[in-house]
C-alpha cells in the first residue's frame, strides 16, 4: 500500500512538473497577411535555394513548417514582414493555393 501511494505521489509530481513546462513553453500560432508590414505589389518569387524553402505558419523559423517548396517552384507574394531578427519573410501562396510564409533569402525574382 505504501509503495502504491509513493508511486501515485511521484506520478502526480511528475505530471505537475511536466504540465507546467508544457504550459509555459512558447507556441507559435499561424499568422496571415494582417501581420505584414509592407505591401509588395503582388509578384512572383522563384525558389532559388537547392534545398528548397519551407512554407511556414508565420514569419520566422520558430513557426511550424507546412511543407517544403522545391527548388524552381514559383511562389506568389502578397506582402512581407521583417521579423524581430531583421529577416524579411514573404506571405503568399504556392502554385496549388497553400498559403504561408517563405524566407526571402531562399527566393529570387520569379516569373512575369
C-alpha atoms as a PDB file:
ATOM      1  CA  UNK A   1       0.000   0.000   0.000  1.00  0.00           C
ATOM      2  CA  UNK A   2       2.825   2.416   0.849  1.00  0.00           C
ATOM      3  CA  UNK A   3       4.520   1.652  -2.443  1.00  0.00           C
ATOM      4  CA  UNK A   4       1.345   2.498  -4.377  1.00  0.00           C
ATOM      5  CA  UNK A   5       0.907   5.813  -2.569  1.00  0.00           C
ATOM      6  CA  UNK A   6       4.569   6.712  -3.193  1.00  0.00           C
ATOM      7  CA  UNK A   7       4.202   5.862  -6.893  1.00  0.00           C
ATOM      8  CA  UNK A   8       0.992   7.883  -7.098  1.00  0.00           C
ATOM      9  CA  UNK A   9       2.651  10.860  -5.384  1.00  0.00           C
ATOM     10  CA  UNK A  10       5.700  10.657  -7.659  1.00  0.00           C
ATOM     11  CA  UNK A  11       3.482  10.378 -10.735  1.00  0.00           C
ATOM     12  CA  UNK A  12       1.394  13.362  -9.647  1.00  0.00           C
ATOM     13  CA  UNK A  13       4.528  15.425  -9.009  1.00  0.00           C
ATOM     14  CA  UNK A  14       5.944  14.483 -12.410  1.00  0.00           C
ATOM     15  CA  UNK A  15       2.694  15.413 -14.146  1.00  0.00           C
ATOM     16  CA  UNK A  16       2.602  18.789 -12.407  1.00  0.00           C
ATOM     17  CA  UNK A  17       6.219  19.481 -13.390  1.00  0.00           C
ATOM     18  CA  UNK A  18       5.683  18.377 -16.996  1.00  0.00           C
ATOM     19  CA  UNK A  19       2.374  20.184 -17.223  1.00  0.00           C
ATOM     20  CA  UNK A  20       3.995  23.385 -16.022  1.00  0.00           C
ATOM     21  CA  UNK A  21       6.796  23.038 -18.547  1.00  0.00           C
ATOM     22  CA  UNK A  22       4.360  22.456 -21.360  1.00  0.00           C
ATOM     23  CA  UNK A  23       2.085  25.305 -20.311  1.00  0.00           C
ATOM     24  CA  UNK A  24       4.949  27.812 -20.126  1.00  0.00           C
ATOM     25  CA  UNK A  25       6.673  26.867 -23.378  1.00  0.00           C
ATOM     26  CA  UNK A  26       6.016  29.378 -26.179  1.00  0.00           C
ATOM     27  CA  UNK A  27       3.743  28.361 -29.004  1.00  0.00           C
ATOM     28  CA  UNK A  28       3.722  29.875 -32.457  1.00  0.00           C
ATOM     29  CA  UNK A  29       0.288  30.091 -33.997  1.00  0.00           C
ATOM     30  CA  UNK A  30      -0.446  30.778 -37.636  1.00  0.00           C
ATOM     31  CA  UNK A  31      -0.446  34.401 -38.742  1.00  0.00           C
ATOM     32  CA  UNK A  32      -1.632  35.750 -42.070  1.00  0.00           C
ATOM     33  CA  UNK A  33      -1.488  38.915 -44.135  1.00  0.00           C
ATOM     34  CA  UNK A  34      -2.610  41.031 -41.164  1.00  0.00           C
ATOM     35  CA  UNK A  35       0.918  40.506 -39.795  1.00  0.00           C
ATOM     36  CA  UNK A  36       2.581  42.113 -42.856  1.00  0.00           C
ATOM     37  CA  UNK A  37       4.436  45.391 -42.501  1.00  0.00           C
ATOM     38  CA  UNK A  38       4.772  46.137 -46.229  1.00  0.00           C
ATOM     39  CA  UNK A  39       2.706  45.520 -49.350  1.00  0.00           C
ATOM     40  CA  UNK A  40       4.986  44.161 -52.055  1.00  0.00           C
ATOM     41  CA  UNK A  41       2.728  44.891 -55.036  1.00  0.00           C
ATOM     42  CA  UNK A  42       1.797  41.236 -55.619  1.00  0.00           C
ATOM     43  CA  UNK A  43       4.559  39.499 -57.543  1.00  0.00           C
ATOM     44  CA  UNK A  44       6.102  36.090 -58.154  1.00  0.00           C
ATOM     45  CA  UNK A  45       9.200  34.800 -56.375  1.00  0.00           C
ATOM     46  CA  UNK A  46      11.200  31.787 -57.514  1.00  0.00           C
ATOM     47  CA  UNK A  47      12.623  29.266 -55.002  1.00  0.00           C
ATOM     48  CA  UNK A  48      16.340  29.576 -55.754  1.00  0.00           C
ATOM     49  CA  UNK A  49      17.788  27.513 -52.888  1.00  0.00           C
ATOM     50  CA  UNK A  50      18.732  23.964 -53.970  1.00  0.00           C
ATOM     51  CA  UNK A  51      17.490  22.686 -50.595  1.00  0.00           C
ATOM     52  CA  UNK A  52      14.100  24.284 -51.213  1.00  0.00           C
ATOM     53  CA  UNK A  53      12.219  26.701 -48.971  1.00  0.00           C
ATOM     54  CA  UNK A  54       9.949  25.971 -46.046  1.00  0.00           C
ATOM     55  CA  UNK A  55       6.391  27.291 -46.230  1.00  0.00           C
ATOM     56  CA  UNK A  56       5.641  28.248 -42.607  1.00  0.00           C
ATOM     57  CA  UNK A  57       2.705  29.374 -40.441  1.00  0.00           C
ATOM     58  CA  UNK A  58       4.425  32.680 -39.645  1.00  0.00           C
ATOM     59  CA  UNK A  59       7.429  34.886 -40.450  1.00  0.00           C
ATOM     60  CA  UNK A  60      10.196  33.007 -38.641  1.00  0.00           C
ATOM     61  CA  UNK A  61      11.945  29.705 -38.043  1.00  0.00           C
ATOM     62  CA  UNK A  62      10.011  29.215 -34.794  1.00  0.00           C
ATOM     63  CA  UNK A  63       6.736  28.802 -36.695  1.00  0.00           C
ATOM     64  CA  UNK A  64       5.593  25.365 -37.818  1.00  0.00           C
ATOM     65  CA  UNK A  65       6.519  24.194 -41.300  1.00  0.00           C
ATOM     66  CA  UNK A  66       3.515  23.416 -43.517  1.00  0.00           C
ATOM     67  CA  UNK A  67       5.520  21.974 -46.380  1.00  0.00           C
ATOM     68  CA  UNK A  68       8.722  22.401 -48.376  1.00  0.00           C
ATOM     69  CA  UNK A  69       8.660  24.247 -51.677  1.00  0.00           C
ATOM     70  CA  UNK A  70      11.091  22.565 -54.054  1.00  0.00           C
ATOM     71  CA  UNK A  71      13.861  24.314 -55.952  1.00  0.00           C
ATOM     72  CA  UNK A  72      12.478  26.004 -59.074  1.00  0.00           C
ATOM     73  CA  UNK A  73       8.907  26.399 -57.794  1.00  0.00           C
ATOM     74  CA  UNK A  74       7.216  29.802 -58.029  1.00  0.00           C
ATOM     75  CA  UNK A  75       5.536  31.453 -55.045  1.00  0.00           C
ATOM     76  CA  UNK A  76       3.012  34.322 -55.389  1.00  0.00           C
ATOM     77  CA  UNK A  77       3.759  37.067 -52.838  1.00  0.00           C
ATOM     78  CA  UNK A  78       1.138  39.446 -51.456  1.00  0.00           C
ATOM     79  CA  UNK A  79       3.104  41.194 -48.733  1.00  0.00           C
ATOM     80  CA  UNK A  80       6.127  40.908 -46.464  1.00  0.00           C
ATOM     81  CA  UNK A  81       7.180  41.225 -42.851  1.00  0.00           C
ATOM     82  CA  UNK A  82      10.524  41.874 -41.213  1.00  0.00           C
ATOM     83  CA  UNK A  83      10.741  39.689 -38.114  1.00  0.00           C
ATOM     84  CA  UNK A  84      12.444  40.501 -34.805  1.00  0.00           C
ATOM     85  CA  UNK A  85      15.776  39.227 -36.177  1.00  0.00           C
ATOM     86  CA  UNK A  86      15.657  41.649 -39.130  1.00  0.00           C
ATOM     87  CA  UNK A  87      14.896  38.913 -41.678  1.00  0.00           C
ATOM     88  CA  UNK A  88      12.385  39.544 -44.464  1.00  0.00           C
ATOM     89  CA  UNK A  89       9.649  36.941 -44.941  1.00  0.00           C
ATOM     90  CA  UNK A  90       7.118  36.863 -47.783  1.00  0.00           C
ATOM     91  CA  UNK A  91       3.462  35.948 -47.288  1.00  0.00           C
ATOM     92  CA  UNK A  92       1.605  34.381 -50.187  1.00  0.00           C
ATOM     93  CA  UNK A  93       0.614  31.110 -51.773  1.00  0.00           C
ATOM     94  CA  UNK A  94       2.243  28.346 -53.734  1.00  0.00           C
ATOM     95  CA  UNK A  95       1.114  27.032 -57.119  1.00  0.00           C
ATOM     96  CA  UNK A  96      -1.562  24.782 -55.531  1.00  0.00           C
ATOM     97  CA  UNK A  97      -3.014  27.576 -53.392  1.00  0.00           C
ATOM     98  CA  UNK A  98      -1.459  26.734 -49.998  1.00  0.00           C
ATOM     99  CA  UNK A  99      -0.904  29.950 -48.014  1.00  0.00           C
ATOM    100  CA  UNK A 100       2.107  30.635 -45.810  1.00  0.00           C
ATOM    101  CA  UNK A 101       5.381  32.425 -45.188  1.00  0.00           C
ATOM    102  CA  UNK A 102       8.694  31.921 -47.033  1.00  0.00           C
ATOM    103  CA  UNK A 103      12.124  33.279 -46.033  1.00  0.00           C
ATOM    104  CA  UNK A 104      13.123  35.844 -48.673  1.00  0.00           C
ATOM    105  CA  UNK A 105      16.748  34.684 -48.917  1.00  0.00           C
ATOM    106  CA  UNK A 106      15.567  31.311 -50.267  1.00  0.00           C
ATOM    107  CA  UNK A 107      13.990  33.050 -53.267  1.00  0.00           C
ATOM    108  CA  UNK A 108      14.816  35.253 -56.250  1.00  0.00           C
ATOM    109  CA  UNK A 109      12.766  37.302 -58.698  1.00  0.00           C
ATOM    110  CA  UNK A 110      10.192  34.990 -60.272  1.00  0.00           C
ATOM    111  CA  UNK A 111       8.148  34.753 -63.442  1.00  0.00           C
ATOM    112  CA  UNK A 112       6.436  37.748 -65.072  1.00  0.00           C
END
